[in-house]
C-alpha cells in the first residue's frame, strides 16, 4: 500500500513560498503570526489567515448586474460575468 501524504508540497521550494504567502495573509488580517508553532492563536485567528489565503488564491471572480434588455423595451435582464485573474 502506498503512502500518499498530501501534507507535503510536490515542489520542495514551494514550502518557502507558501510560508511567505501565509505571513502576508496574516499581516493583511492583523494576526500576530510567528515562524514555527503558533499555539497561542485562537481558532478564529487561524481560520481568518486560512480564509484570507483562499480569498487571494481564488482563480475566478463572479459578478452580476441588471441591465435593460436589448430585445424587449422596458424589461431588465440579469447579466453574469466570470473573470479569471492570472498572476
Protein backbone atom coordinates (compact mmCIF):
# COMPACT_ATOMS: atom_id res chain seq x y z
CA UNK A 1 0.00 0.00 0.00
CA UNK A 2 1.47 3.37 -0.99
CA UNK A 3 1.61 6.29 1.39
CA UNK A 4 0.16 9.41 -0.26
CA UNK A 5 0.78 12.17 2.28
CA UNK A 6 -0.95 15.24 0.85
CA UNK A 7 0.60 17.47 3.51
CA UNK A 8 3.90 17.67 1.62
CA UNK A 9 4.34 20.10 -1.29
CA UNK A 10 5.06 18.45 -4.63
CA UNK A 11 7.75 21.07 -5.31
CA UNK A 12 10.07 21.37 -2.32
CA UNK A 13 10.83 25.05 -2.96
CA UNK A 14 7.09 25.73 -2.70
CA UNK A 15 7.24 25.46 1.10
CA UNK A 16 9.06 28.79 1.43
CA UNK A 17 6.65 30.47 -0.97
CA UNK A 18 3.63 29.12 0.95
CA UNK A 19 5.09 30.28 4.27
CA UNK A 20 5.69 33.76 2.83
CA UNK A 21 2.14 33.80 1.44
CA UNK A 22 0.77 32.74 4.85
CA UNK A 23 2.69 35.51 6.61
CA UNK A 24 1.38 38.10 4.14
CA UNK A 25 -2.20 36.87 4.64
CA UNK A 26 -1.77 37.04 8.43
CA UNK A 27 -0.48 40.60 8.17
CA UNK A 28 -3.48 41.59 5.99
CA UNK A 29 -5.97 40.38 8.62
CA UNK A 30 -3.93 41.65 11.58
CA UNK A 31 -2.94 38.30 13.13
CA UNK A 32 0.38 38.05 15.01
CA UNK A 33 1.81 35.00 13.24
CA UNK A 34 5.32 33.82 14.09
CA UNK A 35 7.67 31.35 12.39
CA UNK A 36 7.16 27.83 13.76
CA UNK A 37 4.46 26.78 16.21
CA UNK A 38 1.59 29.23 16.77
CA UNK A 39 -0.34 27.58 19.60
CA UNK A 40 -1.24 30.96 21.07
CA UNK A 41 -3.65 31.70 18.19
CA UNK A 42 -7.37 31.28 18.64
CA UNK A 43 -9.32 29.19 16.14
CA UNK A 44 -10.88 32.36 14.80
CA UNK A 45 -7.47 33.96 14.15
CA UNK A 46 -6.06 30.84 12.49
CA UNK A 47 -9.19 30.48 10.38
CA UNK A 48 -9.04 34.09 9.27
CA UNK A 49 -5.49 33.55 7.97
CA UNK A 50 -6.58 30.46 6.01
CA UNK A 51 -9.65 32.26 4.71
CA UNK A 52 -7.56 35.20 3.52
CA UNK A 53 -5.21 32.79 1.73
CA UNK A 54 -8.12 31.12 -0.06
CA UNK A 55 -9.62 34.50 -0.94
CA UNK A 56 -6.33 35.58 -2.52
CA UNK A 57 -5.84 32.25 -4.35
CA UNK A 58 -9.34 32.06 -5.77
CA UNK A 59 -8.80 31.95 -9.57
CA UNK A 60 -12.17 33.28 -10.70
CA UNK A 61 -14.49 36.03 -9.53
CA UNK A 62 -18.15 36.19 -10.39
CA UNK A 63 -20.25 39.32 -10.62
CA UNK A 64 -23.76 40.03 -11.84
CA UNK A 65 -25.82 43.11 -12.55
CA UNK A 66 -29.10 44.09 -14.17
CA UNK A 67 -29.28 45.97 -17.44
CA UNK A 68 -32.01 46.96 -19.89
CA UNK A 69 -32.99 44.20 -22.29
CA UNK A 70 -31.80 44.75 -25.84
CA UNK A 71 -34.79 42.97 -27.37
CA UNK A 72 -37.72 43.86 -25.09
CA UNK A 73 -38.35 47.52 -24.34
CA UNK A 74 -38.89 48.27 -20.65
CA UNK A 75 -37.57 44.90 -19.42
CA UNK A 76 -34.45 44.24 -17.36
CA UNK A 77 -32.07 41.35 -17.84
CA UNK A 78 -29.57 39.90 -15.35
CA UNK A 79 -26.03 39.59 -16.74
CA UNK A 80 -23.38 37.36 -15.12
CA UNK A 81 -19.65 37.72 -15.69
CA UNK A 82 -16.98 35.32 -14.54
CA UNK A 83 -13.44 36.71 -14.62
CA UNK A 84 -10.17 34.95 -14.12
CA UNK A 85 -7.18 36.60 -12.52
CA UNK A 86 -3.74 35.45 -13.62
CA UNK A 87 -0.70 36.47 -11.63
